[in-house]
């Protein structure tokens, strides 16, 4: 029963983190979100930040419990054909290389991840431009 509960908590937390992360990705930069009273689905940027942090914590705790429940299968993933534990199985190496590549591509600003990061900046610039245009219209009244 607790395995299923843990899996569902991970699933629901993941969904909420995807939604809140998406909202944070497209939200206005810094305090501008409060200045323009930005909201989506009745929630403002601070609400989405709180949700994202809270469910990241819940997802992390459930992930640790999930690992504990599945320790035996995880150990089996690390075994070779002679049933000896080997950390550098093909699957382990591939997963490690993908993770390391994405990490370094992100921090070294390598494409296509750099374009993804720039997309976030373009959302921020959109909100700043919209705010400035609105202020100019108000001043010209």
Protein backbone atom coordinates (compact mmCIF):
# COMPACT_ATOMS: atom_id res chain seq x y z
CA UNK A 1 0.00 0.00 0.00
CA UNK A 2 2.77 2.49 0.91
CA UNK A 3 4.61 1.76 -2.35
CA UNK A 4 1.55 2.77 -4.33
CA UNK A 5 1.02 5.88 -2.18
CA UNK A 6 4.68 6.84 -2.70
CA UNK A 7 4.37 6.38 -6.47
CA UNK A 8 1.21 8.48 -6.62
CA UNK A 9 2.81 11.21 -4.49
CA UNK A 10 5.73 11.28 -6.91
CA UNK A 11 3.37 11.41 -9.90
CA UNK A 12 1.20 14.22 -8.47
CA UNK A 13 4.23 16.18 -7.24
CA UNK A 14 5.84 15.85 -10.66
CA UNK A 15 2.71 17.17 -12.37
CA UNK A 16 2.47 20.14 -10.00
CA UNK A 17 6.19 20.90 -10.44
CA UNK A 18 5.82 20.82 -14.24
CA UNK A 19 2.87 23.21 -14.11
CA UNK A 20 4.43 25.55 -11.53
CA UNK A 21 7.80 25.42 -13.30
CA UNK A 22 6.13 26.33 -16.59
CA UNK A 23 4.34 29.24 -14.95
CA UNK A 24 7.61 30.45 -13.40
CA UNK A 25 9.29 30.10 -16.80
CA UNK A 26 6.77 32.40 -18.49
CA UNK A 27 6.17 34.76 -15.56
CA UNK A 28 7.46 38.34 -15.45
CA UNK A 29 10.93 38.99 -14.08
CA UNK A 30 11.39 39.97 -10.43
CA UNK A 31 8.99 42.43 -8.85
CA UNK A 32 7.35 43.24 -12.15
CA UNK A 33 4.97 40.34 -11.59
CA UNK A 34 3.63 42.11 -8.49
CA UNK A 35 3.56 45.51 -10.20
CA UNK A 36 1.39 44.28 -13.06
CA UNK A 37 -0.54 41.89 -10.78
CA UNK A 38 0.35 38.90 -12.96
CA UNK A 39 -1.86 35.86 -12.34
CA UNK A 40 -2.64 32.62 -14.13
CA UNK A 41 -5.45 30.35 -12.91
CA UNK A 42 -5.93 32.65 -9.91
CA UNK A 43 -2.34 32.23 -8.68
CA UNK A 44 0.43 34.83 -8.76
CA UNK A 45 4.18 34.31 -9.15
CA UNK A 46 4.76 34.01 -5.40
CA UNK A 47 2.09 31.29 -5.23
CA UNK A 48 3.80 29.38 -8.04
CA UNK A 49 7.20 29.73 -6.34
CA UNK A 50 5.75 28.41 -3.07
CA UNK A 51 4.07 25.49 -4.86
CA UNK A 52 7.24 24.66 -6.77
CA UNK A 53 9.41 24.64 -3.63
CA UNK A 54 6.90 22.71 -1.53
CA UNK A 55 6.32 20.01 -4.12
CA UNK A 56 10.04 19.78 -4.92
CA UNK A 57 10.54 18.92 -1.24
CA UNK A 58 7.67 16.39 -1.29
CA UNK A 59 8.99 14.88 -4.55
CA UNK A 60 12.49 14.59 -3.03
CA UNK A 61 11.22 12.86 0.11
CA UNK A 62 8.99 10.52 -1.93
CA UNK A 63 11.96 9.86 -4.26
CA UNK A 64 14.12 8.80 -1.35
CA UNK A 65 11.34 6.51 -0.05
CA UNK A 66 10.88 5.17 -3.59
CA UNK A 67 14.61 4.35 -3.78
CA UNK A 68 14.43 2.56 -0.42
CA UNK A 69 11.39 0.53 -1.53
CA UNK A 70 13.12 -0.35 -4.79
CA UNK A 71 16.65 -0.89 -3.53
CA UNK A 72 16.72 -4.53 -4.62
CA UNK A 73 15.72 -3.81 -8.25
CA UNK A 74 18.20 -0.91 -8.34
CA UNK A 75 20.96 -3.26 -7.19
CA UNK A 76 19.88 -5.69 -9.91
CA UNK A 77 20.23 -2.92 -12.51
CA UNK A 78 23.88 -2.66 -11.48
CA UNK A 79 24.62 -6.37 -11.87
CA UNK A 80 26.36 -7.78 -14.89
CA UNK A 81 25.68 -11.16 -16.48
CA UNK A 82 27.69 -12.95 -13.79
CA UNK A 83 25.48 -11.30 -11.13
CA UNK A 84 28.30 -9.15 -9.75
CA UNK A 85 27.59 -5.52 -8.91
CA UNK A 86 29.28 -3.28 -11.44
CA UNK A 87 28.62 0.45 -11.31
CA UNK A 88 29.62 1.03 -14.89
CA UNK A 89 26.96 -0.97 -16.70
CA UNK A 90 25.99 0.30 -20.16
CA UNK A 91 22.77 1.77 -18.84
CA UNK A 92 24.49 3.46 -15.89
CA UNK A 93 27.11 4.99 -18.17
CA UNK A 94 24.53 6.21 -20.72
CA UNK A 95 22.34 7.76 -18.01
CA UNK A 96 25.40 9.36 -16.40
CA UNK A 97 26.67 10.76 -19.71
CA UNK A 98 23.27 12.24 -20.59
CA UNK A 99 23.02 13.88 -17.16
CA UNK A 100 26.59 15.21 -17.25
CA UNK A 101 26.18 16.45 -20.84
CA UNK A 102 23.01 18.36 -19.99
CA UNK A 103 24.60 19.81 -16.86
CA UNK A 104 27.66 21.12 -18.70
CA UNK A 105 25.73 22.20 -21.79
CA UNK A 106 23.53 24.30 -19.54
CA UNK A 107 26.28 25.94 -17.47
CA UNK A 108 28.52 26.43 -20.55
CA UNK A 109 25.63 27.94 -22.56
CA UNK A 110 25.76 25.38 -25.36
CA UNK A 111 22.96 25.03 -27.93
CA UNK A 112 20.18 23.94 -27.99
CA UNK A 113 19.87 24.42 -24.25
CA UNK A 114 21.06 28.01 -24.50
CA UNK A 115 18.10 28.76 -26.79
CA UNK A 116 15.79 27.27 -24.19
CA UNK A 117 17.27 29.54 -21.50
CA UNK A 118 17.04 32.51 -23.87
CA UNK A 119 13.37 31.70 -24.42
CA UNK A 120 12.85 32.37 -20.70
CA UNK A 121 14.62 35.72 -21.09
CA UNK A 122 12.41 36.60 -24.04
CA UNK A 123 9.32 35.98 -21.90
CA UNK A 124 10.81 38.29 -19.28
CA UNK A 125 11.58 40.94 -21.91
CA UNK A 126 8.02 40.67 -23.22
CA UNK A 127 6.62 41.47 -19.78
CA UNK A 128 9.02 44.39 -19.27
CA UNK A 129 8.17 45.81 -22.72
CA UNK A 130 4.42 45.41 -22.09
CA UNK A 131 4.75 47.14 -18.73
CA UNK A 132 6.72 50.06 -20.22
CA UNK A 133 4.20 50.45 -23.05
CA UNK A 134 1.32 50.45 -20.58
CA UNK A 135 3.03 53.11 -18.45
CA UNK A 136 3.66 55.25 -21.53
CA UNK A 137 -0.01 55.03 -22.53
CA UNK A 138 -1.06 55.99 -19.00
CA UNK A 139 1.33 58.94 -18.99
CA UNK A 140 0.04 60.18 -22.36
CA UNK A 141 -3.58 60.33 -21.18
